[in-house]
């Protein structure tokens, strides 16, 4: 009997070793296509300094947001930060499309559950964050903040190159920590994934998305290119982990704009790439699995684990939110 047991165990081991290897399942993100317009910026005085078409201290009714981030505060409420500047209508329109993007808007919800904040114009403006006067030793531009909490402090990384860092205990008062690193080809639109004890920051550069690693959000590794895009200029990347794979969401700018409407400059095609290796999302459509409708999307979860995708300037001026589900392919 003992001999038979040994034989069975040996056969079982052999079958296990020779059997088919497990294959990682690919999940496709699907949006509900039910965007809710949660934030419409209100009028405000321009924070300065003067530009060709904007004057410091002057009131402007229309403000345009762009790359943004959602974060839950110590007050339990959801906060929203992002690029902003007064609407500038020049001839041609491209001359003033990003003029005055030197501070972040800050808006806050009235509820502590994210699902209850998904109401029209629910988020209300607070004072603008980190205008040039509060950053006298930095370049004026303040773009695309991304905020993550670590050891009781909120860490805001913002660009453009050099990517910079500010920290806050409460999302209200920010302490500047200076430059993190620059990229000779430019560094725009940072986004951070925390995975297995390491922070992975992705950002856009010339026809590419690049990644740098850190253990402390201060010291960063030499950047590596993780996606090359020959057909468009990448914008606003979001890197997420779902199940046992990595997914990279990248908005595209293809340069085609008739300049008849401001909104046309905020293209809303977002590509999704899948990879088991977060350092390799291929070239062009090599690892592309889906196309979504959103401009400068943020991909995030609420307290209950529900996924969402946000969009700015499309389909509305401000920030809109849509539900996101994952379907097995």
C-alpha atoms as a PDB file:
ATOM      1  CA  UNK A   1       0.000   0.000   0.000  1.00  0.00           C
ATOM      2  CA  UNK A   2       2.856   2.323   0.817  1.00  0.00           C
ATOM      3  CA  UNK A   3       4.304   1.773  -2.652  1.00  0.00           C
ATOM      4  CA  UNK A   4       0.994   2.729  -4.281  1.00  0.00           C
ATOM      5  CA  UNK A   5       0.843   6.001  -2.354  1.00  0.00           C
ATOM      6  CA  UNK A   6       4.299   6.921  -3.552  1.00  0.00           C
ATOM      7  CA  UNK A   7       3.330   6.096  -7.128  1.00  0.00           C
ATOM      8  CA  UNK A   8       0.166   8.214  -6.958  1.00  0.00           C
ATOM      9  CA  UNK A   9       2.020  11.153  -5.455  1.00  0.00           C
ATOM     10  CA  UNK A  10       4.703  10.912  -8.111  1.00  0.00           C
ATOM     11  CA  UNK A  11       2.117  10.804 -10.900  1.00  0.00           C
ATOM     12  CA  UNK A  12       0.252  13.768  -9.391  1.00  0.00           C
ATOM     13  CA  UNK A  13       3.464  15.784  -9.217  1.00  0.00           C
ATOM     14  CA  UNK A  14       4.324  14.909 -12.811  1.00  0.00           C
ATOM     15  CA  UNK A  15       0.883  15.950 -14.058  1.00  0.00           C
ATOM     16  CA  UNK A  16       1.134  19.255 -12.175  1.00  0.00           C
ATOM     17  CA  UNK A  17       4.536  20.013 -13.666  1.00  0.00           C
ATOM     18  CA  UNK A  18       3.499  19.098 -17.195  1.00  0.00           C
ATOM     19  CA  UNK A  19       0.037  20.634 -17.055  1.00  0.00           C
ATOM     20  CA  UNK A  20      -0.913  23.919 -18.726  1.00  0.00           C
ATOM     21  CA  UNK A  21       0.495  27.070 -17.154  1.00  0.00           C
ATOM     22  CA  UNK A  22      -2.011  29.531 -15.702  1.00  0.00           C
ATOM     23  CA  UNK A  23      -2.764  32.421 -18.034  1.00  0.00           C
ATOM     24  CA  UNK A  24      -3.410  35.877 -16.659  1.00  0.00           C
ATOM     25  CA  UNK A  25      -6.888  37.045 -17.607  1.00  0.00           C
ATOM     26  CA  UNK A  26      -7.200  40.407 -19.311  1.00  0.00           C
ATOM     27  CA  UNK A  27      -9.942  42.724 -18.071  1.00  0.00           C
ATOM     28  CA  UNK A  28     -11.369  45.454 -20.277  1.00  0.00           C
ATOM     29  CA  UNK A  29     -12.454  48.740 -18.632  1.00  0.00           C
ATOM     30  CA  UNK A  30     -15.952  49.762 -19.720  1.00  0.00           C
ATOM     31  CA  UNK A  31     -17.428  53.163 -18.914  1.00  0.00           C
ATOM     32  CA  UNK A  32     -21.129  53.636 -18.288  1.00  0.00           C
ATOM     33  CA  UNK A  33     -21.257  56.677 -20.610  1.00  0.00           C
ATOM     34  CA  UNK A  34     -23.347  58.496 -17.999  1.00  0.00           C
ATOM     35  CA  UNK A  35     -21.089  61.424 -17.130  1.00  0.00           C
ATOM     36  CA  UNK A  36     -22.282  63.612 -14.252  1.00  0.00           C
ATOM     37  CA  UNK A  37     -21.058  67.233 -14.251  1.00  0.00           C
ATOM     38  CA  UNK A  38     -19.802  67.454 -10.656  1.00  0.00           C
ATOM     39  CA  UNK A  39     -17.745  70.660 -10.821  1.00  0.00           C
ATOM     40  CA  UNK A  40     -18.238  73.915 -12.707  1.00  0.00           C
ATOM     41  CA  UNK A  41     -15.643  76.567 -11.799  1.00  0.00           C
ATOM     42  CA  UNK A  42     -16.964  79.884 -10.579  1.00  0.00           C
ATOM     43  CA  UNK A  43     -15.678  83.359 -11.362  1.00  0.00           C
ATOM     44  CA  UNK A  44     -12.615  84.695  -9.559  1.00  0.00           C
ATOM     45  CA  UNK A  45      -9.888  87.331  -9.564  1.00  0.00           C
ATOM     46  CA  UNK A  46      -6.810  86.333 -11.566  1.00  0.00           C
ATOM     47  CA  UNK A  47      -3.923  85.447  -9.249  1.00  0.00           C
ATOM     48  CA  UNK A  48      -1.269  86.880 -11.571  1.00  0.00           C
ATOM     49  CA  UNK A  49       1.249  87.761 -12.707  1.00  0.00           C
ATOM     50  CA  UNK A  50       0.024  89.711 -15.740  1.00  0.00           C
ATOM     51  CA  UNK A  51       0.136  87.920 -19.088  1.00  0.00           C
ATOM     52  CA  UNK A  52      -0.541  89.253 -22.569  1.00  0.00           C
ATOM     53  CA  UNK A  53      -4.313  88.914 -22.177  1.00  0.00           C
ATOM     54  CA  UNK A  54      -4.821  88.514 -18.399  1.00  0.00           C
ATOM     55  CA  UNK A  55      -4.387  91.113 -15.673  1.00  0.00           C
ATOM     56  CA  UNK A  56      -3.596  90.354 -12.040  1.00  0.00           C
ATOM     57  CA  UNK A  57      -6.468  91.178  -9.702  1.00  0.00           C
ATOM     58  CA  UNK A  58      -9.031  91.461 -12.504  1.00  0.00           C
ATOM     59  CA  UNK A  59     -12.273  89.482 -12.244  1.00  0.00           C
ATOM     60  CA  UNK A  60     -12.979  86.770 -14.836  1.00  0.00           C
ATOM     61  CA  UNK A  61     -16.299  84.948 -14.995  1.00  0.00           C
ATOM     62  CA  UNK A  62     -15.173  81.951 -17.053  1.00  0.00           C
ATOM     63  CA  UNK A  63     -12.391  79.656 -15.842  1.00  0.00           C
ATOM     64  CA  UNK A  64     -11.051  76.576 -17.590  1.00  0.00           C
ATOM     65  CA  UNK A  65      -9.769  73.534 -15.651  1.00  0.00           C
ATOM     66  CA  UNK A  66      -7.598  70.742 -17.008  1.00  0.00           C
ATOM     67  CA  UNK A  67      -5.540  67.874 -15.522  1.00  0.00           C
ATOM     68  CA  UNK A  68      -6.840  67.203 -12.022  1.00  0.00           C
ATOM     69  CA  UNK A  69      -6.890  64.804  -9.081  1.00  0.00           C
ATOM     70  CA  UNK A  70      -9.437  63.567  -6.505  1.00  0.00           C
ATOM     71  CA  UNK A  71      -8.351  62.974  -2.907  1.00  0.00           C
ATOM     72  CA  UNK A  72     -10.161  62.369   0.371  1.00  0.00           C
ATOM     73  CA  UNK A  73      -9.238  64.824   3.125  1.00  0.00           C
ATOM     74  CA  UNK A  74      -8.763  64.421   6.856  1.00  0.00           C
ATOM     75  CA  UNK A  75     -12.168  66.112   7.170  1.00  0.00           C
ATOM     76  CA  UNK A  76     -13.673  63.037   5.503  1.00  0.00           C
ATOM     77  CA  UNK A  77     -14.738  65.060   2.487  1.00  0.00           C
ATOM     78  CA  UNK A  78     -13.590  64.580  -1.101  1.00  0.00           C
ATOM     79  CA  UNK A  79     -11.389  67.313  -2.557  1.00  0.00           C
ATOM     80  CA  UNK A  80     -10.621  68.160  -6.160  1.00  0.00           C
ATOM     81  CA  UNK A  81      -7.475  69.921  -7.407  1.00  0.00           C
ATOM     82  CA  UNK A  82      -6.356  70.762 -10.936  1.00  0.00           C
ATOM     83  CA  UNK A  83      -4.927  73.152 -13.506  1.00  0.00           C
ATOM     84  CA  UNK A  84      -6.955  76.316 -13.985  1.00  0.00           C
ATOM     85  CA  UNK A  85      -6.868  79.735 -15.653  1.00  0.00           C
ATOM     86  CA  UNK A  86      -9.367  82.279 -16.960  1.00  0.00           C
ATOM     87  CA  UNK A  87     -10.824  81.601 -20.397  1.00  0.00           C
ATOM     88  CA  UNK A  88      -8.839  83.477 -23.052  1.00  0.00           C
ATOM     89  CA  UNK A  89     -10.371  83.850 -26.510  1.00  0.00           C
ATOM     90  CA  UNK A  90      -7.683  85.054 -28.874  1.00  0.00           C
ATOM     91  CA  UNK A  91      -7.305  85.069 -32.634  1.00  0.00           C
ATOM     92  CA  UNK A  92      -6.079  82.462 -33.355  1.00  0.00           C
ATOM     93  CA  UNK A  93      -7.542  80.550 -30.413  1.00  0.00           C
ATOM     94  CA  UNK A  94      -4.331  78.572 -29.927  1.00  0.00           C
ATOM     95  CA  UNK A  95      -2.462  81.724 -28.860  1.00  0.00           C
ATOM     96  CA  UNK A  96      -4.171  81.874 -25.460  1.00  0.00           C
ATOM     97  CA  UNK A  97      -5.410  78.339 -24.938  1.00  0.00           C
ATOM     98  CA  UNK A  98      -3.119  77.674 -21.926  1.00  0.00           C
ATOM     99  CA  UNK A  99      -2.319  81.232 -20.896  1.00  0.00           C
ATOM    100  CA  UNK A 100      -2.065  81.850 -17.152  1.00  0.00           C
ATOM    101  CA  UNK A 101      -1.951  78.186 -16.045  1.00  0.00           C
ATOM    102  CA  UNK A 102       0.049  79.063 -12.951  1.00  0.00           C
ATOM    103  CA  UNK A 103      -2.045  77.753 -10.032  1.00  0.00           C
ATOM    104  CA  UNK A 104      -4.450  74.942  -9.132  1.00  0.00           C
ATOM    105  CA  UNK A 105      -8.151  75.193  -8.424  1.00  0.00           C
ATOM    106  CA  UNK A 106      -9.322  73.592  -5.179  1.00  0.00           C
ATOM    107  CA  UNK A 107     -12.913  72.446  -4.778  1.00  0.00           C
ATOM    108  CA  UNK A 108     -14.531  70.433  -2.003  1.00  0.00           C
ATOM    109  CA  UNK A 109     -17.577  68.200  -1.609  1.00  0.00           C
ATOM    110  CA  UNK A 110     -20.243  68.484   1.068  1.00  0.00           C
ATOM    111  CA  UNK A 111     -20.398  64.720   1.642  1.00  0.00           C
ATOM    112  CA  UNK A 112     -18.004  62.107   2.941  1.00  0.00           C
ATOM    113  CA  UNK A 113     -19.194  59.257   0.679  1.00  0.00           C
ATOM    114  CA  UNK A 114     -17.990  59.646  -2.880  1.00  0.00           C
ATOM    115  CA  UNK A 115     -21.176  58.236  -4.417  1.00  0.00           C
ATOM    116  CA  UNK A 116     -23.123  61.052  -2.730  1.00  0.00           C
ATOM    117  CA  UNK A 117     -20.885  63.667  -4.351  1.00  0.00           C
ATOM    118  CA  UNK A 118     -21.851  62.593  -7.856  1.00  0.00           C
ATOM    119  CA  UNK A 119     -24.372  65.367  -8.340  1.00  0.00           C
ATOM    120  CA  UNK A 120     -24.451  68.259 -10.768  1.00  0.00           C
ATOM    121  CA  UNK A 121     -22.164  71.117  -9.665  1.00  0.00           C
ATOM    122  CA  UNK A 122     -21.709  69.500  -6.244  1.00  0.00           C
ATOM    123  CA  UNK A 123     -18.062  70.525  -5.702  1.00  0.00           C
ATOM    124  CA  UNK A 124     -17.602  74.133  -4.574  1.00  0.00           C
ATOM    125  CA  UNK A 125     -14.581  76.379  -5.099  1.00  0.00           C
ATOM    126  CA  UNK A 126     -12.079  77.167  -2.389  1.00  0.00           C
ATOM    127  CA  UNK A 127      -9.068  79.486  -2.702  1.00  0.00           C
ATOM    128  CA  UNK A 128      -6.647  78.749  -5.547  1.00  0.00           C
ATOM    129  CA  UNK A 129      -3.546  76.769  -4.581  1.00  0.00           C
ATOM    130  CA  UNK A 130       0.147  77.690  -5.016  1.00  0.00           C
ATOM    131  CA  UNK A 131       0.048  80.666  -7.397  1.00  0.00           C
ATOM    132  CA  UNK A 132       3.459  82.102  -8.424  1.00  0.00           C
ATOM    133  CA  UNK A 133       3.544  84.587  -5.524  1.00  0.00           C
ATOM    134  CA  UNK A 134       3.622  81.624  -3.130  1.00  0.00           C
ATOM    135  CA  UNK A 135       6.410  79.958  -5.145  1.00  0.00           C
ATOM    136  CA  UNK A 136       8.888  82.811  -5.769  1.00  0.00           C
ATOM    137  CA  UNK A 137      11.854  80.517  -6.530  1.00  0.00           C
ATOM    138  CA  UNK A 138      10.025  78.341  -9.052  1.00  0.00           C
ATOM    139  CA  UNK A 139       8.955  78.700 -12.668  1.00  0.00           C
ATOM    140  CA  UNK A 140       5.506  80.291 -12.914  1.00  0.00           C
ATOM    141  CA  UNK A 141       3.756  77.285 -14.470  1.00  0.00           C
ATOM    142  CA  UNK A 142       1.885  74.998 -12.064  1.00  0.00           C
ATOM    143  CA  UNK A 143       0.345  72.058 -13.936  1.00  0.00           C
ATOM    144  CA  UNK A 144      -1.394  68.749 -13.330  1.00  0.00           C
ATOM    145  CA  UNK A 145      -1.170  68.180  -9.564  1.00  0.00           C
ATOM    146  CA  UNK A 146      -1.347  64.613  -8.285  1.00  0.00           C
ATOM    147  CA  UNK A 147      -1.845  64.052  -4.559  1.00  0.00           C
ATOM    148  CA  UNK A 148      -1.113  60.947  -2.493  1.00  0.00           C
ATOM    149  CA  UNK A 149      -1.074  60.544   1.304  1.00  0.00           C
ATOM    150  CA  UNK A 150       1.965  59.180   3.126  1.00  0.00           C
ATOM    151  CA  UNK A 151       2.622  59.055   6.878  1.00  0.00           C
ATOM    152  CA  UNK A 152       0.003  61.659   7.753  1.00  0.00           C
ATOM    153  CA  UNK A 153       1.002  64.148   5.063  1.00  0.00           C
ATOM    154  CA  UNK A 154      -0.475  64.801   1.643  1.00  0.00           C
ATOM    155  CA  UNK A 155       2.211  64.880  -1.050  1.00  0.00           C
ATOM    156  CA  UNK A 156       1.441  66.923  -4.163  1.00  0.00           C
ATOM    157  CA  UNK A 157       3.614  66.348  -7.229  1.00  0.00           C
ATOM    158  CA  UNK A 158       3.157  68.892 -10.010  1.00  0.00           C
ATOM    159  CA  UNK A 159       4.850  70.006 -13.219  1.00  0.00           C
ATOM    160  CA  UNK A 160       5.796  70.820 -15.837  1.00  0.00           C
ATOM    161  CA  UNK A 161       9.487  69.929 -15.740  1.00  0.00           C
ATOM    162  CA  UNK A 162      11.071  70.154 -13.297  1.00  0.00           C
ATOM    163  CA  UNK A 163       8.535  68.033 -11.440  1.00  0.00           C
ATOM    164  CA  UNK A 164       8.124  69.512  -7.969  1.00  0.00           C
ATOM    165  CA  UNK A 165       6.809  68.517  -4.558  1.00  0.00           C
ATOM    166  CA  UNK A 166       4.721  70.223  -1.868  1.00  0.00           C
ATOM    167  CA  UNK A 167       3.314  68.657   1.312  1.00  0.00           C
ATOM    168  CA  UNK A 168       0.344  69.449   3.528  1.00  0.00           C
ATOM    169  CA  UNK A 169      -1.274  68.020   6.677  1.00  0.00           C
ATOM    170  CA  UNK A 170      -4.748  69.183   5.674  1.00  0.00           C
ATOM    171  CA  UNK A 171      -4.883  70.011   1.914  1.00  0.00           C
ATOM    172  CA  UNK A 172      -5.057  73.729   2.811  1.00  0.00           C
ATOM    173  CA  UNK A 173      -1.581  74.952   3.766  1.00  0.00           C
ATOM    174  CA  UNK A 174       1.227  73.693   1.518  1.00  0.00           C
ATOM    175  CA  UNK A 175       4.935  73.520   2.302  1.00  0.00           C
ATOM    176  CA  UNK A 176       7.216  73.618  -0.742  1.00  0.00           C
ATOM    177  CA  UNK A 177       9.882  70.915  -0.965  1.00  0.00           C
ATOM    178  CA  UNK A 178      11.437  71.953  -4.263  1.00  0.00           C
ATOM    179  CA  UNK A 179      12.297  70.128  -7.458  1.00  0.00           C
ATOM    180  CA  UNK A 180      12.328  66.341  -7.667  1.00  0.00           C
ATOM    181  CA  UNK A 181      13.854  65.926 -11.123  1.00  0.00           C
ATOM    182  CA  UNK A 182      13.729  67.285 -14.648  1.00  0.00           C
ATOM    183  CA  UNK A 183      13.688  65.598 -18.042  1.00  0.00           C
ATOM    184  CA  UNK A 184      15.532  67.048 -21.021  1.00  0.00           C
ATOM    185  CA  UNK A 185      12.581  66.018 -23.215  1.00  0.00           C
ATOM    186  CA  UNK A 186      10.048  67.531 -20.824  1.00  0.00           C
ATOM    187  CA  UNK A 187       7.973  66.028 -18.010  1.00  0.00           C
ATOM    188  CA  UNK A 188       4.226  66.624 -17.875  1.00  0.00           C
ATOM    189  CA  UNK A 189       1.148  65.329 -16.095  1.00  0.00           C
ATOM    190  CA  UNK A 190       2.533  63.159 -13.252  1.00  0.00           C
ATOM    191  CA  UNK A 191       0.509  60.294 -11.808  1.00  0.00           C
ATOM    192  CA  UNK A 192       1.552  57.903  -9.019  1.00  0.00           C
ATOM    193  CA  UNK A 193       0.820  54.248  -8.271  1.00  0.00           C
ATOM    194  CA  UNK A 194       1.847  52.791  -4.894  1.00  0.00           C
ATOM    195  CA  UNK A 195       2.468  49.063  -5.229  1.00  0.00           C
ATOM    196  CA  UNK A 196       4.346  46.606  -3.008  1.00  0.00           C
ATOM    197  CA  UNK A 197       6.112  49.304  -1.028  1.00  0.00           C
ATOM    198  CA  UNK A 198       7.277  51.336  -4.019  1.00  0.00           C
ATOM    199  CA  UNK A 199       5.931  54.532  -5.593  1.00  0.00           C
ATOM    200  CA  UNK A 200       5.775  54.470  -9.395  1.00  0.00           C
ATOM    201  CA  UNK A 201       5.402  57.849 -11.060  1.00  0.00           C
ATOM    202  CA  UNK A 202       4.425  58.029 -14.717  1.00  0.00           C
ATOM    203  CA  UNK A 203       4.525  61.185 -16.791  1.00  0.00           C
ATOM    204  CA  UNK A 204       4.438  62.280 -20.424  1.00  0.00           C
ATOM    205  CA  UNK A 205       7.405  63.319 -22.499  1.00  0.00           C
ATOM    206  CA  UNK A 206       8.073  63.564 -26.254  1.00  0.00           C
ATOM    207  CA  UNK A 207       5.999  60.818 -27.925  1.00  0.00           C
ATOM    208  CA  UNK A 208       6.374  58.695 -24.805  1.00  0.00           C
ATOM    209  CA  UNK A 209       5.224  57.867 -21.296  1.00  0.00           C
ATOM    210  CA  UNK A 210       8.041  57.462 -18.799  1.00  0.00           C
ATOM    211  CA  UNK A 211       8.291  55.990 -15.303  1.00  0.00           C
ATOM    212  CA  UNK A 212      10.448  56.671 -12.247  1.00  0.00           C
ATOM    213  CA  UNK A 213      10.517  54.779  -8.926  1.00  0.00           C
ATOM    214  CA  UNK A 214      10.824  55.938  -5.324  1.00  0.00           C
ATOM    215  CA  UNK A 215      10.585  54.576  -1.801  1.00  0.00           C
ATOM    216  CA  UNK A 216       9.982  57.950  -0.143  1.00  0.00           C
ATOM    217  CA  UNK A 217       8.436  60.281  -2.798  1.00  0.00           C
ATOM    218  CA  UNK A 218      11.586  62.412  -2.611  1.00  0.00           C
ATOM    219  CA  UNK A 219      14.405  60.420  -4.208  1.00  0.00           C
ATOM    220  CA  UNK A 220      13.553  59.079  -7.669  1.00  0.00           C
ATOM    221  CA  UNK A 221      15.249  56.618  -9.999  1.00  0.00           C
ATOM    222  CA  UNK A 222      16.445  57.412 -13.497  1.00  0.00           C
ATOM    223  CA  UNK A 223      13.290  57.499 -15.698  1.00  0.00           C
ATOM    224  CA  UNK A 224      12.546  54.646 -18.093  1.00  0.00           C
ATOM    225  CA  UNK A 225      10.314  54.803 -21.168  1.00  0.00           C
ATOM    226  CA  UNK A 226       7.336  52.452 -20.789  1.00  0.00           C
ATOM    227  CA  UNK A 227       5.245  53.453 -23.828  1.00  0.00           C
ATOM    228  CA  UNK A 228       6.146  54.969 -27.195  1.00  0.00           C
ATOM    229  CA  UNK A 229       3.506  56.722 -29.283  1.00  0.00           C
ATOM    230  CA  UNK A 230       4.411  57.574 -32.853  1.00  0.00           C
ATOM    231  CA  UNK A 231       0.861  58.479 -33.934  1.00  0.00           C
ATOM    232  CA  UNK A 232      -0.056  61.047 -31.256  1.00  0.00           C
ATOM    233  CA  UNK A 233       1.293  63.065 -28.351  1.00  0.00           C
ATOM    234  CA  UNK A 234       0.426  61.388 -25.046  1.00  0.00           C
ATOM    235  CA  UNK A 235      -1.276  63.317 -22.248  1.00  0.00           C
ATOM    236  CA  UNK A 236      -2.504  62.725 -18.708  1.00  0.00           C
ATOM    237  CA  UNK A 237      -1.427  59.121 -17.991  1.00  0.00           C
ATOM    238  CA  UNK A 238      -2.979  57.066 -15.193  1.00  0.00           C
ATOM    239  CA  UNK A 239      -1.308  53.832 -14.061  1.00  0.00           C
ATOM    240  CA  UNK A 240      -3.442  51.374 -12.080  1.00  0.00           C
ATOM    241  CA  UNK A 241      -3.178  47.831 -10.821  1.00  0.00           C
ATOM    242  CA  UNK A 242      -6.216  45.583 -11.328  1.00  0.00           C
ATOM    243  CA  UNK A 243      -6.199  41.910 -10.336  1.00  0.00           C
ATOM    244  CA  UNK A 244      -2.679  40.759 -11.261  1.00  0.00           C
ATOM    245  CA  UNK A 245      -1.895  43.131 -14.142  1.00  0.00           C
ATOM    246  CA  UNK A 246      -1.131  46.783 -14.834  1.00  0.00           C
ATOM    247  CA  UNK A 247      -3.270  49.105 -16.932  1.00  0.00           C
ATOM    248  CA  UNK A 248      -2.084  52.396 -18.399  1.00  0.00           C
ATOM    249  CA  UNK A 249      -4.667  55.005 -19.455  1.00  0.00           C
ATOM    250  CA  UNK A 250      -3.342  57.700 -21.817  1.00  0.00           C
ATOM    251  CA  UNK A 251      -5.203  60.627 -23.373  1.00  0.00           C
ATOM    252  CA  UNK A 252      -4.140  61.609 -26.898  1.00  0.00           C
ATOM    253  CA  UNK A 253      -3.492  64.841 -28.762  1.00  0.00           C
ATOM    254  CA  UNK A 254      -3.291  64.328 -32.521  1.00  0.00           C
ATOM    255  CA  UNK A 255      -2.815  67.986 -33.475  1.00  0.00           C
ATOM    256  CA  UNK A 256      -6.044  68.195 -35.459  1.00  0.00           C
ATOM    257  CA  UNK A 257      -8.059  71.223 -34.329  1.00  0.00           C
ATOM    258  CA  UNK A 258      -9.902  73.723 -36.525  1.00  0.00           C
ATOM    259  CA  UNK A 259      -9.726  76.386 -33.757  1.00  0.00           C
ATOM    260  CA  UNK A 260     -13.404  77.233 -34.176  1.00  0.00           C
ATOM    261  CA  UNK A 261     -14.199  76.208 -30.608  1.00  0.00           C
ATOM    262  CA  UNK A 262     -12.047  76.145 -27.459  1.00  0.00           C
ATOM    263  CA  UNK A 263     -13.339  72.711 -26.481  1.00  0.00           C
ATOM    264  CA  UNK A 264     -11.822  71.243 -29.636  1.00  0.00           C
ATOM    265  CA  UNK A 265      -8.372  71.651 -28.103  1.00  0.00           C
ATOM    266  CA  UNK A 266      -9.358  69.275 -25.301  1.00  0.00           C
ATOM    267  CA  UNK A 267      -9.528  66.022 -27.216  1.00  0.00           C
ATOM    268  CA  UNK A 268     -11.342  63.224 -25.436  1.00  0.00           C
ATOM    269  CA  UNK A 269      -9.904  59.988 -26.790  1.00  0.00           C
ATOM    270  CA  UNK A 270      -8.222  57.887 -24.101  1.00  0.00           C
ATOM    271  CA  UNK A 271      -6.358  54.683 -24.902  1.00  0.00           C
ATOM    272  CA  UNK A 272      -5.951  51.797 -22.446  1.00  0.00           C
ATOM    273  CA  UNK A 273      -2.934  49.462 -22.442  1.00  0.00           C
ATOM    274  CA  UNK A 274      -2.455  46.173 -20.584  1.00  0.00           C
ATOM    275  CA  UNK A 275       0.816  44.674 -19.368  1.00  0.00           C
ATOM    276  CA  UNK A 276       2.137  42.272 -16.755  1.00  0.00           C
ATOM    277  CA  UNK A 277       5.331  44.331 -16.737  1.00  0.00           C
ATOM    278  CA  UNK A 278       4.822  47.941 -15.658  1.00  0.00           C
ATOM    279  CA  UNK A 279       8.029  48.875 -17.489  1.00  0.00           C
ATOM    280  CA  UNK A 280       6.729  47.729 -20.870  1.00  0.00           C
ATOM    281  CA  UNK A 281       3.468  48.874 -22.454  1.00  0.00           C
ATOM    282  CA  UNK A 282       4.847  48.494 -25.949  1.00  0.00           C
ATOM    283  CA  UNK A 283       4.838  50.770 -28.966  1.00  0.00           C
ATOM    284  CA  UNK A 284       1.675  52.371 -30.359  1.00  0.00           C
ATOM    285  CA  UNK A 285      -1.212  49.835 -30.337  1.00  0.00           C
ATOM    286  CA  UNK A 286       0.947  46.814 -29.480  1.00  0.00           C
ATOM    287  CA  UNK A 287      -0.678  46.369 -26.047  1.00  0.00           C
ATOM    288  CA  UNK A 288      -3.775  48.491 -26.507  1.00  0.00           C
ATOM    289  CA  UNK A 289      -7.001  46.865 -25.291  1.00  0.00           C
ATOM    290  CA  UNK A 290      -9.636  49.632 -25.272  1.00  0.00           C
ATOM    291  CA  UNK A 291     -10.517  53.209 -26.191  1.00  0.00           C
ATOM    292  CA  UNK A 292     -12.545  55.373 -23.793  1.00  0.00           C
ATOM    293  CA  UNK A 293     -14.148  58.816 -24.033  1.00  0.00           C
ATOM    294  CA  UNK A 294     -12.480  61.252 -21.631  1.00  0.00           C
ATOM    295  CA  UNK A 295     -10.102  64.197 -21.587  1.00  0.00           C
ATOM    296  CA  UNK A 296      -7.269  64.182 -19.001  1.00  0.00           C
ATOM    297  CA  UNK A 297      -8.853  61.258 -17.136  1.00  0.00           C
ATOM    298  CA  UNK A 298      -8.241  60.226 -13.565  1.00  0.00           C
ATOM    299  CA  UNK A 299      -8.899  56.541 -12.806  1.00  0.00           C
ATOM    300  CA  UNK A 300      -9.700  55.946  -9.140  1.00  0.00           C
ATOM    301  CA  UNK A 301     -11.822  54.043  -6.597  1.00  0.00           C
ATOM    302  CA  UNK A 302     -14.198  55.213  -3.891  1.00  0.00           C
ATOM    303  CA  UNK A 303     -14.518  53.909  -0.329  1.00  0.00           C
ATOM    304  CA  UNK A 304     -16.519  50.897  -1.513  1.00  0.00           C
ATOM    305  CA  UNK A 305     -14.074  49.902  -4.236  1.00  0.00           C
ATOM    306  CA  UNK A 306     -16.174  51.201  -7.136  1.00  0.00           C
ATOM    307  CA  UNK A 307     -14.036  52.434 -10.033  1.00  0.00           C
ATOM    308  CA  UNK A 308     -14.572  55.800 -11.751  1.00  0.00           C
ATOM    309  CA  UNK A 309     -13.201  57.750 -14.683  1.00  0.00           C
ATOM    310  CA  UNK A 310     -13.267  61.545 -14.754  1.00  0.00           C
ATOM    311  CA  UNK A 311     -13.005  64.043 -17.610  1.00  0.00           C
ATOM    312  CA  UNK A 312     -12.452  67.798 -17.996  1.00  0.00           C
ATOM    313  CA  UNK A 313     -13.783  70.199 -20.648  1.00  0.00           C
ATOM    314  CA  UNK A 314     -15.627  67.281 -22.208  1.00  0.00           C
ATOM    315  CA  UNK A 315     -18.518  66.792 -22.197  1.00  0.00           C
ATOM    316  CA  UNK A 316     -18.812  69.919 -19.998  1.00  0.00           C
ATOM    317  CA  UNK A 317     -16.689  72.887 -18.874  1.00  0.00           C
ATOM    318  CA  UNK A 318     -15.369  71.676 -15.541  1.00  0.00           C
ATOM    319  CA  UNK A 319     -15.062  68.117 -14.232  1.00  0.00           C
ATOM    320  CA  UNK A 320     -17.430  65.241 -14.992  1.00  0.00           C
ATOM    321  CA  UNK A 321     -17.427  61.715 -13.543  1.00  0.00           C
ATOM    322  CA  UNK A 322     -18.489  58.385 -15.044  1.00  0.00           C
ATOM    323  CA  UNK A 323     -18.602  54.877 -13.555  1.00  0.00           C
ATOM    324  CA  UNK A 324     -16.067  52.331 -14.744  1.00  0.00           C
ATOM    325  CA  UNK A 325     -16.471  48.555 -14.704  1.00  0.00           C
ATOM    326  CA  UNK A 326     -14.019  45.794 -15.586  1.00  0.00           C
ATOM    327  CA  UNK A 327     -15.139  42.952 -17.888  1.00  0.00           C
ATOM    328  CA  UNK A 328     -13.146  39.787 -18.468  1.00  0.00           C
ATOM    329  CA  UNK A 329     -12.096  39.317 -22.063  1.00  0.00           C
END
